[in-house]
């Protein structure tokens, strides 16, 4: 099995090493192995879990919700379904803003064209 150092894992995930240490301290990355010097070593399984954590954080799920703890499978499923609905609502809201942004872009393009003619 391939292992990644904390710097390699951070680079692959495009996040700072300090974020990885923070996630580990908060219990988001259970069972992180360490080498003989005590440095964190990320297995491919841990890298997949890390990608999931990053996905959830980037979609605004609080760390307290990401930590599975004692929750039952049913509770975790409900939590993920609720989170999905929140993400879909945010996507819809942001999509609704696109016409206003496009209008501004068109206005600026028109002004630039008028300046050059």
C-alpha atoms as a PDB file:
ATOM      1  CA  UNK A   1       0.000   0.000   0.000  1.00  0.00           C
ATOM      2  CA  UNK A   2       1.257   3.471  -0.866  1.00  0.00           C
ATOM      3  CA  UNK A   3       1.673   6.063   1.874  1.00  0.00           C
ATOM      4  CA  UNK A   4       1.933   9.827   1.608  1.00  0.00           C
ATOM      5  CA  UNK A   5       3.718  12.196   3.951  1.00  0.00           C
ATOM      6  CA  UNK A   6       1.780  15.133   5.334  1.00  0.00           C
ATOM      7  CA  UNK A   7       3.429  17.461   2.805  1.00  0.00           C
ATOM      8  CA  UNK A   8       2.556  15.126  -0.078  1.00  0.00           C
ATOM      9  CA  UNK A   9      -1.030  14.733   1.146  1.00  0.00           C
ATOM     10  CA  UNK A  10      -1.400  18.498   1.554  1.00  0.00           C
ATOM     11  CA  UNK A  11      -0.031  19.129  -1.942  1.00  0.00           C
ATOM     12  CA  UNK A  12      -2.288  16.499  -3.519  1.00  0.00           C
ATOM     13  CA  UNK A  13      -5.332  17.997  -1.787  1.00  0.00           C
ATOM     14  CA  UNK A  14      -4.248  21.600  -2.315  1.00  0.00           C
ATOM     15  CA  UNK A  15      -4.599  22.459   1.370  1.00  0.00           C
ATOM     16  CA  UNK A  16      -2.056  23.595   3.976  1.00  0.00           C
ATOM     17  CA  UNK A  17      -0.341  21.064   6.213  1.00  0.00           C
ATOM     18  CA  UNK A  18      -1.752  22.956   9.200  1.00  0.00           C
ATOM     19  CA  UNK A  19      -5.257  22.107   7.984  1.00  0.00           C
ATOM     20  CA  UNK A  20      -4.386  18.410   7.908  1.00  0.00           C
ATOM     21  CA  UNK A  21      -3.021  18.608  11.439  1.00  0.00           C
ATOM     22  CA  UNK A  22      -6.172  20.420  12.550  1.00  0.00           C
ATOM     23  CA  UNK A  23      -8.428  17.797  10.948  1.00  0.00           C
ATOM     24  CA  UNK A  24      -6.425  15.067  12.655  1.00  0.00           C
ATOM     25  CA  UNK A  25      -6.695  16.780  16.071  1.00  0.00           C
ATOM     26  CA  UNK A  26     -10.461  17.193  15.611  1.00  0.00           C
ATOM     27  CA  UNK A  27     -10.845  13.461  14.941  1.00  0.00           C
ATOM     28  CA  UNK A  28     -11.774  13.758  11.270  1.00  0.00           C
ATOM     29  CA  UNK A  29      -8.994  11.409  10.190  1.00  0.00           C
ATOM     30  CA  UNK A  30      -9.106   8.406  12.508  1.00  0.00           C
ATOM     31  CA  UNK A  31      -6.393   5.787  12.527  1.00  0.00           C
ATOM     32  CA  UNK A  32      -3.687   7.934  10.926  1.00  0.00           C
ATOM     33  CA  UNK A  33      -0.534   5.880  11.003  1.00  0.00           C
ATOM     34  CA  UNK A  34       2.796   7.357  12.024  1.00  0.00           C
ATOM     35  CA  UNK A  35       6.311   6.462  11.019  1.00  0.00           C
ATOM     36  CA  UNK A  36       9.110   5.691  13.486  1.00  0.00           C
ATOM     37  CA  UNK A  37       9.747   9.439  13.908  1.00  0.00           C
ATOM     38  CA  UNK A  38       6.085  10.111  14.745  1.00  0.00           C
ATOM     39  CA  UNK A  39       5.254  11.765  11.416  1.00  0.00           C
ATOM     40  CA  UNK A  40       1.759  11.262  10.032  1.00  0.00           C
ATOM     41  CA  UNK A  41       1.557   8.844   7.108  1.00  0.00           C
ATOM     42  CA  UNK A  42      -1.553   8.903   4.925  1.00  0.00           C
ATOM     43  CA  UNK A  43      -2.603   5.639   3.306  1.00  0.00           C
ATOM     44  CA  UNK A  44      -4.693   5.558   0.136  1.00  0.00           C
ATOM     45  CA  UNK A  45      -7.711   4.836   2.358  1.00  0.00           C
ATOM     46  CA  UNK A  46      -6.920   7.905   4.470  1.00  0.00           C
ATOM     47  CA  UNK A  47      -6.501   9.998   1.318  1.00  0.00           C
ATOM     48  CA  UNK A  48      -9.974   8.935   0.156  1.00  0.00           C
ATOM     49  CA  UNK A  49     -11.403   9.854   3.567  1.00  0.00           C
ATOM     50  CA  UNK A  50      -9.567  13.174   3.424  1.00  0.00           C
ATOM     51  CA  UNK A  51     -11.136  13.942   0.042  1.00  0.00           C
ATOM     52  CA  UNK A  52     -14.555  13.314   1.569  1.00  0.00           C
ATOM     53  CA  UNK A  53     -13.790  15.594   4.517  1.00  0.00           C
ATOM     54  CA  UNK A  54     -12.618  18.337   2.134  1.00  0.00           C
ATOM     55  CA  UNK A  55     -15.780  17.913   0.052  1.00  0.00           C
ATOM     56  CA  UNK A  56     -17.983  18.269   3.112  1.00  0.00           C
ATOM     57  CA  UNK A  57     -16.027  21.260   4.443  1.00  0.00           C
ATOM     58  CA  UNK A  58     -16.123  22.961   1.030  1.00  0.00           C
ATOM     59  CA  UNK A  59     -19.898  22.541   1.014  1.00  0.00           C
ATOM     60  CA  UNK A  60     -20.115  24.242   4.416  1.00  0.00           C
ATOM     61  CA  UNK A  61     -20.716  21.242   6.658  1.00  0.00           C
ATOM     62  CA  UNK A  62     -19.494  22.009  10.189  1.00  0.00           C
ATOM     63  CA  UNK A  63     -16.682  19.890  11.588  1.00  0.00           C
ATOM     64  CA  UNK A  64     -18.932  18.803  14.432  1.00  0.00           C
ATOM     65  CA  UNK A  65     -21.257  17.205  11.884  1.00  0.00           C
ATOM     66  CA  UNK A  66     -18.440  15.541   9.950  1.00  0.00           C
ATOM     67  CA  UNK A  67     -17.144  13.714  13.017  1.00  0.00           C
ATOM     68  CA  UNK A  68     -19.150  10.508  13.015  1.00  0.00           C
ATOM     69  CA  UNK A  69     -18.709   9.637  16.700  1.00  0.00           C
ATOM     70  CA  UNK A  70     -21.442   7.507  18.208  1.00  0.00           C
ATOM     71  CA  UNK A  71     -24.082   8.391  15.619  1.00  0.00           C
ATOM     72  CA  UNK A  72     -26.035   5.526  14.150  1.00  0.00           C
ATOM     73  CA  UNK A  73     -25.962   4.756  10.475  1.00  0.00           C
ATOM     74  CA  UNK A  74     -29.541   6.009  10.155  1.00  0.00           C
ATOM     75  CA  UNK A  75     -28.665   9.357  11.768  1.00  0.00           C
ATOM     76  CA  UNK A  76     -25.628   9.786   9.524  1.00  0.00           C
ATOM     77  CA  UNK A  77     -27.742   8.992   6.452  1.00  0.00           C
ATOM     78  CA  UNK A  78     -30.343  11.574   7.492  1.00  0.00           C
ATOM     79  CA  UNK A  79     -27.592  14.130   8.120  1.00  0.00           C
ATOM     80  CA  UNK A  80     -26.107  13.542   4.656  1.00  0.00           C
ATOM     81  CA  UNK A  81     -29.529  13.828   3.000  1.00  0.00           C
ATOM     82  CA  UNK A  82     -30.155  17.129   4.795  1.00  0.00           C
ATOM     83  CA  UNK A  83     -26.725  18.379   3.789  1.00  0.00           C
ATOM     84  CA  UNK A  84     -27.367  17.440   0.182  1.00  0.00           C
ATOM     85  CA  UNK A  85     -30.585  19.489   0.223  1.00  0.00           C
ATOM     86  CA  UNK A  86     -28.712  22.493   1.632  1.00  0.00           C
ATOM     87  CA  UNK A  87     -26.073  22.176  -1.097  1.00  0.00           C
ATOM     88  CA  UNK A  88     -28.757  21.952  -3.786  1.00  0.00           C
ATOM     89  CA  UNK A  89     -30.470  25.048  -2.382  1.00  0.00           C
ATOM     90  CA  UNK A  90     -27.180  26.952  -2.438  1.00  0.00           C
ATOM     91  CA  UNK A  91     -26.529  25.872  -6.027  1.00  0.00           C
ATOM     92  CA  UNK A  92     -29.997  27.097  -7.025  1.00  0.00           C
ATOM     93  CA  UNK A  93     -29.435  30.412  -5.265  1.00  0.00           C
ATOM     94  CA  UNK A  94     -26.043  30.946  -6.909  1.00  0.00           C
ATOM     95  CA  UNK A  95     -27.410  29.930 -10.309  1.00  0.00           C
ATOM     96  CA  UNK A  96     -30.095  32.560  -9.855  1.00  0.00           C
ATOM     97  CA  UNK A  97     -27.387  35.220  -9.515  1.00  0.00           C
ATOM     98  CA  UNK A  98     -25.714  34.340 -12.819  1.00  0.00           C
ATOM     99  CA  UNK A  99     -27.979  36.492 -15.045  1.00  0.00           C
ATOM    100  CA  UNK A 100     -27.084  39.619 -13.040  1.00  0.00           C
ATOM    101  CA  UNK A 101     -23.387  38.783 -13.286  1.00  0.00           C
ATOM    102  CA  UNK A 102     -23.707  38.157 -17.036  1.00  0.00           C
ATOM    103  CA  UNK A 103     -25.476  41.494 -17.421  1.00  0.00           C
ATOM    104  CA  UNK A 104     -22.575  43.280 -15.733  1.00  0.00           C
ATOM    105  CA  UNK A 105     -20.051  41.468 -17.925  1.00  0.00           C
ATOM    106  CA  UNK A 106     -22.007  42.436 -21.044  1.00  0.00           C
ATOM    107  CA  UNK A 107     -22.187  46.049 -19.881  1.00  0.00           C
ATOM    108  CA  UNK A 108     -18.420  46.179 -19.307  1.00  0.00           C
ATOM    109  CA  UNK A 109     -17.716  44.559 -22.678  1.00  0.00           C
ATOM    110  CA  UNK A 110     -19.957  47.102 -24.388  1.00  0.00           C
ATOM    111  CA  UNK A 111     -18.182  49.977 -22.603  1.00  0.00           C
ATOM    112  CA  UNK A 112     -14.787  48.600 -23.641  1.00  0.00           C
ATOM    113  CA  UNK A 113     -15.959  48.285 -27.254  1.00  0.00           C
ATOM    114  CA  UNK A 114     -17.191  51.876 -27.219  1.00  0.00           C
ATOM    115  CA  UNK A 115     -13.814  53.083 -25.912  1.00  0.00           C
ATOM    116  CA  UNK A 116     -11.911  51.390 -28.730  1.00  0.00           C
ATOM    117  CA  UNK A 117     -14.163  52.615 -31.537  1.00  0.00           C
END
